[in-house]
Amino acid sequence: MEVWKMRQTAVWRRLGWFAIALLPVACFDVVVTAVTSPNPTPVIYVASLPDDTRQWLVTRDGLVLEQSMDFETRTVLDLRDVVDTNGEGGLLSVAVADGGDTLFAYYLAEGAERLSRFDADGETVMLEVPHKNFTPKHLGGTVLLDGADLLLAIGDHAIPKWSQDVGRPEGKLLRFDPDCSGSPCDYEIWGRGLRNPFRFDVDPDTGDIWIADVGEQAREEISVLPAAGRGQEVQNFGWPCREGDIAGPGGVACPGPMIEPVYTYAHDTGRGQSITGGLVYRGWLPELQGKYLFADATAGNLYLMDLATGRVETSALDVGQIPVALTMDAFGRVWVADLIGPPRILTWSTPEPAAQALSLPSAVAGCDNLHPSCG
């Protein structure tokens, strides 16, 4: 069986390294495959389940496309009539549950961000946050389901003091019960002091939450909420009292202690000015194992941070012009969404010919019934 077709089951997760050790070394070259699409709408996020062969491709203008292992797609959610793409808006991400029967979507509607659950009963608005700016900014962007924890990171709406106000959701890492009843749902604040945490992810081995927070004038930063701090006292990441490892604009008290970033880079170093997280790689590619992968939307580069040494290197792999999300599927492949081009897949080469060409449909087809507008 070809390795890329194997499902990431618990057995494979335990035995995968033994199986990989039996394969030719040539299998381990990391290669990039672009998903060609005549559809001009960019894919902004790719969601997966840990034990499922499908992916869910999210377009900024409001579509969620379910893609099979054979790269056949069907539309399972259509929010184009309600999604607002002004400023930094759009349908920014989805999380998948119940084998694909439930989707959690984070998107900008007219005048407000929404976190909604979509299932056979339609849409349940779990959170709605009015947006005060004429141009929507600093919305965050990721909703993630980790076991019984539905996590959402929201930016400060370009009002820095809100990130420290525990009476507001802006500038926070929030935790919801995915099965909550009622609308809106109650939430817990797990972290505050975030500026624009556009992308974050959970290390599947440790439970640590890795947050890439977009900086203002000088620094981009990566911070980690340790698994031991999840659901405990509200953790403070320091904005606006500091920006990465330097002083920030201030203007409000930032109660300590504060979580120190694990890595920062200055805007004048050539690494970029808008960080895109990011995942701790726990797949089957030895070249990437034990590294945190992140990118920068203004530089178009992929970076690899060694967790053991903290050393960061620039990858030569082409991840597009404006990389805006990095996620991993059940095959151990890394998907990189590009805001103005086709998504790319980081996978491994094999002695056999390359896997079949990838493509997306030019028109919406096969709509499912998760939402009334999809039918």
Protein backbone atom coordinates (compact mmCIF):
# COMPACT_ATOMS: atom_id res chain seq x y z
CA MET A 1 0.00 0.00 0.00
CA GLU A 2 1.29 3.48 -0.80
CA VAL A 3 2.17 5.34 2.37
CA TRP A 4 0.22 8.46 1.36
CA LYS A 5 -2.99 6.43 1.24
CA MET A 6 -2.68 5.08 4.78
CA ARG A 7 -5.04 6.50 7.34
CA GLN A 8 -3.66 7.98 10.53
CA THR A 9 -5.17 5.43 12.89
CA ALA A 10 -3.93 4.87 16.41
CA VAL A 11 -2.20 1.66 15.26
CA TRP A 12 -0.46 3.43 12.38
CA ARG A 13 0.54 6.25 14.72
CA ARG A 14 2.30 3.71 16.96
CA LEU A 15 3.81 1.62 14.18
CA GLY A 16 4.35 4.27 11.53
CA TRP A 17 8.03 4.83 12.22
CA PHE A 18 8.72 1.08 12.04
CA ALA A 19 6.88 0.88 8.73
CA ILE A 20 8.70 3.91 7.39
CA ALA A 21 12.04 2.41 8.36
CA LEU A 22 11.38 -0.40 5.89
CA LEU A 23 10.88 1.97 2.94
CA PRO A 24 13.61 3.25 0.61
CA VAL A 25 15.33 6.41 1.76
CA ALA A 26 14.28 8.03 -1.54
CA CYS A 27 10.71 8.11 -0.23
CA PHE A 28 11.59 10.86 2.21
CA ASP A 29 12.30 13.79 -0.10
CA VAL A 30 9.76 16.50 0.69
CA VAL A 31 8.07 17.78 -2.44
CA VAL A 32 5.39 20.39 -3.14
CA THR A 33 2.30 19.79 -5.25
CA ALA A 34 0.08 22.71 -6.25
CA VAL A 35 -3.68 22.16 -6.40
CA THR A 36 -4.64 23.71 -9.71
CA SER A 37 -8.05 25.36 -9.82
CA PRO A 38 -9.90 27.36 -12.47
CA ASN A 39 -12.04 28.73 -9.64
CA PRO A 40 -10.67 32.24 -8.95
CA THR A 41 -11.75 32.17 -5.30
CA PRO A 42 -8.73 31.36 -3.13
CA VAL A 43 -8.69 28.56 -0.56
CA ILE A 44 -7.91 30.27 2.74
CA TYR A 45 -7.90 27.23 5.05
CA VAL A 46 -7.88 23.42 4.86
CA ALA A 47 -9.46 21.41 7.69
CA SER A 48 -9.05 17.68 8.34
CA LEU A 49 -10.00 14.96 10.80
CA PRO A 50 -7.23 12.85 12.39
CA ASP A 51 -8.66 9.53 11.18
CA ASP A 52 -10.38 10.46 7.93
CA THR A 53 -9.24 10.47 4.31
CA ARG A 54 -11.13 13.66 3.44
CA GLN A 55 -10.22 17.34 3.64
CA TRP A 56 -12.48 20.37 3.88
CA LEU A 57 -11.33 23.27 1.70
CA VAL A 58 -12.47 26.71 2.83
CA THR A 59 -12.76 29.61 0.41
CA ARG A 60 -12.65 33.15 1.65
CA ASP A 61 -15.92 34.09 -0.03
CA GLY A 62 -17.90 31.46 1.90
CA LEU A 63 -17.67 27.95 0.45
CA VAL A 64 -16.65 24.74 2.21
CA LEU A 65 -15.72 21.95 -0.23
CA GLU A 66 -15.41 18.39 1.02
CA GLN A 67 -12.64 16.62 -0.88
CA SER A 68 -12.24 12.85 -1.09
CA MET A 69 -8.99 10.90 -1.20
CA ASP A 70 -9.43 10.81 -4.99
CA PHE A 71 -9.63 14.63 -5.02
CA GLU A 72 -13.29 14.70 -5.93
CA THR A 73 -15.13 17.57 -4.28
CA ARG A 74 -18.65 18.52 -3.30
CA THR A 75 -19.93 21.65 -1.60
CA VAL A 76 -21.17 21.03 1.93
CA LEU A 77 -21.64 24.62 3.07
CA ASP A 78 -22.38 27.80 1.14
CA LEU A 79 -22.28 31.09 3.06
CA ARG A 80 -21.57 33.38 0.14
CA ASP A 81 -24.82 35.28 0.68
CA VAL A 82 -23.87 36.25 4.25
CA VAL A 83 -20.07 36.42 4.32
CA ASP A 84 -18.48 39.89 4.22
CA THR A 85 -15.02 39.91 2.62
CA ASN A 86 -14.25 43.57 3.32
CA GLY A 87 -10.95 44.34 5.01
CA GLU A 88 -9.56 41.23 6.68
CA GLY A 89 -12.95 39.49 6.62
CA GLY A 90 -14.38 36.45 4.90
CA LEU A 91 -14.95 32.86 5.90
CA LEU A 92 -11.67 32.42 7.76
CA SER A 93 -11.70 28.79 8.93
CA VAL A 94 -13.83 25.79 9.85
CA ALA A 95 -13.50 22.90 12.29
CA VAL A 96 -15.06 19.53 11.52
CA ALA A 97 -16.83 17.10 13.87
CA ASP A 98 -19.10 14.05 13.80
CA GLY A 99 -17.46 12.62 10.71
CA GLY A 100 -18.24 15.74 8.73
CA ASP A 101 -21.88 16.04 9.81
CA THR A 102 -21.08 19.10 11.93
CA LEU A 103 -19.05 22.13 10.93
CA PHE A 104 -17.96 25.04 13.11
CA ALA A 105 -17.36 28.15 11.01
CA TYR A 106 -15.72 31.45 11.91
CA TYR A 107 -16.63 34.23 9.52
CA LEU A 108 -17.34 37.92 9.13
CA ALA A 109 -20.96 38.81 8.46
CA GLU A 110 -22.18 42.34 7.97
CA GLY A 111 -20.97 44.29 10.99
CA ALA A 112 -19.90 41.35 13.17
CA GLU A 113 -17.80 38.22 13.41
CA ARG A 114 -19.66 34.99 14.04
CA LEU A 115 -18.74 31.59 15.34
CA SER A 116 -21.51 29.24 14.21
CA ARG A 117 -22.27 25.55 14.40
CA PHE A 118 -23.82 23.99 11.30
CA ASP A 119 -25.52 20.61 11.50
CA ALA A 120 -28.75 18.93 10.44
CA ASP A 121 -30.69 21.57 12.42
CA GLY A 122 -29.14 24.45 10.47
CA GLU A 123 -27.06 27.29 11.91
CA THR A 124 -26.59 27.96 15.62
CA VAL A 125 -24.75 31.24 16.29
CA MET A 126 -22.43 30.47 19.21
CA LEU A 127 -20.79 33.91 19.35
CA GLU A 128 -21.35 37.22 17.60
CA VAL A 129 -18.89 40.07 18.09
CA PRO A 130 -19.86 43.45 16.62
CA HIS A 131 -17.12 45.13 14.63
CA LYS A 132 -16.68 48.83 15.32
CA ASN A 133 -14.15 49.67 12.61
CA PHE A 134 -15.17 50.89 9.17
CA THR A 135 -12.60 48.48 7.75
CA PRO A 136 -12.64 45.14 9.61
CA LYS A 137 -9.19 44.49 11.08
CA HIS A 138 -7.54 42.15 13.56
CA LEU A 139 -10.22 39.48 13.53
CA GLY A 140 -8.00 36.52 14.35
CA GLY A 141 -9.00 33.67 12.12
CA THR A 142 -8.88 30.11 13.47
CA VAL A 143 -11.50 27.86 15.03
CA LEU A 144 -10.13 24.49 16.14
CA LEU A 145 -11.71 21.44 17.76
CA ASP A 146 -9.40 19.60 20.16
CA GLY A 147 -11.29 16.81 21.89
CA ALA A 148 -13.97 18.40 24.06
CA ASP A 149 -12.51 21.88 23.58
CA LEU A 150 -13.68 24.14 20.77
CA LEU A 151 -11.07 26.90 20.59
CA LEU A 152 -11.28 30.29 18.89
CA ALA A 153 -8.69 33.08 18.76
CA ILE A 154 -9.96 36.62 18.11
CA GLY A 155 -7.91 39.74 17.46
CA ASP A 156 -8.23 43.08 19.25
CA HIS A 157 -10.23 44.82 16.45
CA ALA A 158 -7.37 47.36 16.29
CA ILE A 159 -8.30 48.65 19.76
CA PRO A 160 -5.32 47.43 21.83
CA LYS A 161 -6.78 47.99 25.30
CA TRP A 162 -9.60 45.52 24.59
CA SER A 163 -7.13 42.63 24.56
CA GLN A 164 -6.62 43.05 28.32
CA ASP A 165 -10.31 43.52 29.19
CA VAL A 166 -11.64 40.16 30.40
CA GLY A 167 -15.17 41.48 29.99
CA ARG A 168 -14.73 41.39 26.21
CA PRO A 169 -13.85 38.57 23.76
CA GLU A 170 -11.48 40.63 21.58
CA GLY A 171 -7.77 39.86 21.82
CA LYS A 172 -8.46 36.51 23.49
CA LEU A 173 -8.11 32.77 23.16
CA LEU A 174 -11.58 31.40 23.94
CA ARG A 175 -12.83 27.93 24.81
CA PHE A 176 -16.38 26.75 24.06
CA ASP A 177 -18.31 23.57 24.73
CA PRO A 178 -18.88 22.31 21.16
CA ASP A 179 -22.25 20.86 22.22
CA CYS A 180 -23.48 23.98 23.98
CA SER A 181 -27.18 24.75 23.80
CA GLY A 182 -28.65 28.18 23.39
CA SER A 183 -27.40 31.11 21.39
CA PRO A 184 -25.03 32.71 22.10
CA CYS A 185 -22.98 30.16 24.04
CA ASP A 186 -20.97 30.73 27.19
CA TYR A 187 -17.21 30.64 26.83
CA GLU A 188 -14.07 30.56 28.95
CA ILE A 189 -11.11 32.89 28.42
CA TRP A 190 -7.91 30.85 28.32
CA GLY A 191 -5.62 33.66 27.16
CA ARG A 192 -5.63 37.43 26.80
CA GLY A 193 -3.17 40.05 25.58
CA LEU A 194 -3.24 38.96 21.92
CA ARG A 195 -3.11 41.43 19.04
CA ASN A 196 -4.08 39.42 15.97
CA PRO A 197 -3.68 35.67 16.54
CA PHE A 198 -4.56 34.80 12.96
CA ARG A 199 -3.46 31.16 13.14
CA PHE A 200 -2.84 28.73 15.99
CA ASP A 201 -2.67 24.99 16.44
CA VAL A 202 -2.44 22.31 19.13
CA ASP A 203 0.54 19.98 19.38
CA PRO A 204 -1.17 16.56 19.20
CA ASP A 205 1.53 14.92 21.33
CA THR A 206 1.65 17.41 24.22
CA GLY A 207 -1.59 19.43 24.08
CA ASP A 208 0.40 22.69 24.04
CA ILE A 209 -1.27 25.49 22.06
CA TRP A 210 1.05 27.27 19.61
CA ILE A 211 -0.12 30.78 18.73
CA ALA A 212 1.33 32.97 15.97
CA ASP A 213 0.42 36.57 16.81
CA VAL A 214 0.77 39.20 14.10
CA GLY A 215 2.73 42.21 15.33
CA GLU A 216 2.29 45.93 14.84
CA GLN A 217 5.32 48.03 13.88
CA ALA A 218 8.32 45.93 14.82
CA ARG A 219 7.92 42.27 15.90
CA GLU A 220 6.18 39.04 14.94
CA GLU A 221 5.88 36.43 17.67
CA ILE A 222 5.20 32.79 18.44
CA SER A 223 3.93 31.95 21.92
CA VAL A 224 2.92 28.71 23.58
CA LEU A 225 0.14 28.09 26.10
CA PRO A 226 1.30 24.93 27.88
CA ALA A 227 -1.19 22.10 28.22
CA ALA A 228 -0.97 22.49 32.00
CA GLY A 229 -2.32 26.04 31.67
CA ARG A 230 -5.39 25.12 29.66
CA GLY A 231 -8.51 26.03 31.59
CA GLN A 232 -6.55 27.36 34.54
CA GLU A 233 -6.03 31.02 35.48
CA VAL A 234 -6.32 33.30 32.44
CA GLN A 235 -2.90 33.45 30.78
CA ASN A 236 -1.55 36.83 29.61
CA PHE A 237 0.44 37.16 26.37
CA GLY A 238 1.29 40.81 27.04
CA TRP A 239 -0.18 42.96 24.26
CA PRO A 240 -0.29 46.00 24.23
CA CYS A 241 2.24 46.36 27.04
CA ARG A 242 4.74 44.60 24.84
CA GLU A 243 5.11 43.58 21.23
CA GLY A 244 6.98 40.32 21.10
CA ASP A 245 10.14 40.84 23.17
CA ILE A 246 10.08 44.67 23.15
CA ALA A 247 7.88 47.34 24.68
CA GLY A 248 4.49 47.87 23.07
CA PRO A 249 2.32 50.97 22.85
CA GLY A 250 0.92 50.41 26.35
CA GLY A 251 -1.96 52.55 27.49
CA VAL A 252 -3.43 49.88 29.76
CA ALA A 253 -2.33 47.68 32.64
CA CYS A 254 -1.24 44.14 31.80
CA PRO A 255 -1.50 41.99 34.94
CA GLY A 256 1.31 39.47 35.22
CA PRO A 257 2.88 37.09 35.06
CA MET A 258 3.03 37.12 31.27
CA ILE A 259 3.88 34.29 28.92
CA GLU A 260 7.19 34.88 27.19
CA PRO A 261 7.26 34.28 23.44
CA VAL A 262 9.30 31.27 22.31
CA TYR A 263 10.39 33.09 19.15
CA THR A 264 10.21 36.59 17.71
CA TYR A 265 11.58 38.22 14.60
CA ALA A 266 11.97 41.86 13.71
CA HIS A 267 10.39 43.41 10.63
CA ASP A 268 13.78 44.57 9.36
CA THR A 269 15.36 41.09 9.28
CA GLY A 270 13.86 40.02 5.96
CA ARG A 271 11.70 37.27 7.47
CA GLY A 272 8.54 39.28 6.83
CA GLN A 273 5.98 41.39 8.65
CA SER A 274 2.87 39.20 9.02
CA ILE A 275 3.39 35.79 10.60
CA THR A 276 1.27 32.82 9.60
CA GLY A 277 1.13 29.90 11.99
CA GLY A 278 1.85 27.17 12.07
CA LEU A 279 1.93 23.65 13.39
CA VAL A 280 4.15 21.28 15.31
CA TYR A 281 4.76 18.54 12.78
CA ARG A 282 3.94 15.03 14.06
CA GLY A 283 3.45 13.31 10.72
CA TRP A 284 5.51 10.82 8.73
CA LEU A 285 8.11 13.07 7.14
CA PRO A 286 11.37 12.64 9.11
CA GLU A 287 12.74 15.83 7.59
CA LEU A 288 10.00 17.82 9.34
CA GLN A 289 9.50 15.75 12.48
CA GLY A 290 9.87 17.66 15.76
CA LYS A 291 9.76 21.07 14.08
CA TYR A 292 7.33 23.95 14.20
CA LEU A 293 6.39 25.03 10.68
CA PHE A 294 5.31 28.60 10.06
CA ALA A 295 5.29 31.14 7.26
CA ASP A 296 5.00 34.86 6.66
CA ALA A 297 2.31 36.29 4.41
CA THR A 298 4.44 39.23 3.29
CA ALA A 299 7.61 37.27 2.55
CA GLY A 300 6.09 34.10 1.06
CA ASN A 301 8.57 31.90 2.90
CA LEU A 302 8.28 28.71 4.93
CA TYR A 303 10.27 28.51 8.15
CA LEU A 304 11.19 25.49 10.28
CA MET A 305 11.92 25.88 13.98
CA ASP A 306 13.66 22.97 15.67
CA LEU A 307 11.89 22.35 18.98
CA ALA A 308 15.01 20.90 20.59
CA THR A 309 17.39 23.76 19.76
CA GLY A 310 15.13 26.68 18.90
CA ARG A 311 17.06 27.16 15.66
CA VAL A 312 15.01 28.55 12.75
CA GLU A 313 15.86 27.85 9.13
CA THR A 314 14.29 29.08 5.90
CA SER A 315 12.96 26.30 3.70
CA ALA A 316 13.56 26.31 -0.04
CA LEU A 317 10.10 24.85 -0.67
CA ASP A 318 7.70 27.02 -2.67
CA VAL A 319 4.63 27.68 -0.51
CA GLY A 320 3.05 30.37 -2.66
CA GLN A 321 3.03 34.15 -2.64
CA ILE A 322 0.80 34.91 0.37
CA PRO A 323 0.66 31.83 2.62
CA VAL A 324 -2.19 32.26 5.10
CA ALA A 325 -2.62 28.83 6.73
CA LEU A 326 -0.66 25.64 7.38
CA THR A 327 -2.52 22.50 8.45
CA MET A 328 -1.84 18.76 8.42
CA ASP A 329 -4.15 16.03 7.14
CA ALA A 330 -4.50 12.38 8.17
CA PHE A 331 -1.84 11.34 5.65
CA GLY A 332 0.81 13.50 7.31
CA ARG A 333 0.74 15.94 4.40
CA VAL A 334 0.95 19.67 5.13
CA TRP A 335 -1.50 21.91 3.29
CA VAL A 336 -0.49 25.53 2.70
CA ALA A 337 -3.27 27.93 1.71
CA ASP A 338 -2.24 30.85 -0.51
CA LEU A 339 -4.43 33.95 -0.51
CA ILE A 340 -3.92 34.66 -4.22
CA GLY A 341 -2.88 31.30 -5.67
CA PRO A 342 -3.60 27.58 -5.49
CA PRO A 343 -3.09 25.73 -2.21
CA ARG A 344 0.02 23.59 -1.99
CA ILE A 345 0.65 20.21 -0.42
CA LEU A 346 3.93 19.29 1.26
CA THR A 347 4.28 15.54 0.87
CA TRP A 348 6.99 13.00 0.08
CA SER A 349 8.31 11.70 -3.20
CA THR A 350 8.15 7.97 -3.97
CA PRO A 351 10.08 5.71 -6.31
CA GLU A 352 6.86 5.32 -8.32
CA PRO A 353 5.43 8.12 -10.50
CA ALA A 354 4.00 11.09 -8.64
CA ALA A 355 0.45 10.92 -7.32
CA GLN A 356 -2.35 11.89 -9.64
CA ALA A 357 -2.80 15.54 -10.57
CA LEU A 358 -4.91 17.53 -8.16
CA SER A 359 -7.73 19.79 -9.24
CA LEU A 360 -10.69 21.73 -7.91
CA PRO A 361 -13.97 22.30 -9.74
CA SER A 362 -14.61 25.53 -11.62
CA ALA A 363 -18.22 25.53 -10.43
CA VAL A 364 -20.07 24.50 -7.29
CA ALA A 365 -21.53 20.98 -7.50
CA GLY A 366 -23.16 18.41 -5.25
CA CYS A 367 -24.38 20.69 -2.48
CA ASP A 368 -25.16 19.09 0.86
CA ASN A 369 -27.81 20.30 3.30
CA LEU A 370 -25.86 21.76 6.23
CA HIS A 371 -27.27 25.20 5.47
CA PRO A 372 -30.52 26.36 3.85
CA SER A 373 -28.61 28.32 1.18
CA CYS A 374 -26.88 25.10 0.13
CA GLY A 375 -29.55 23.30 -1.78
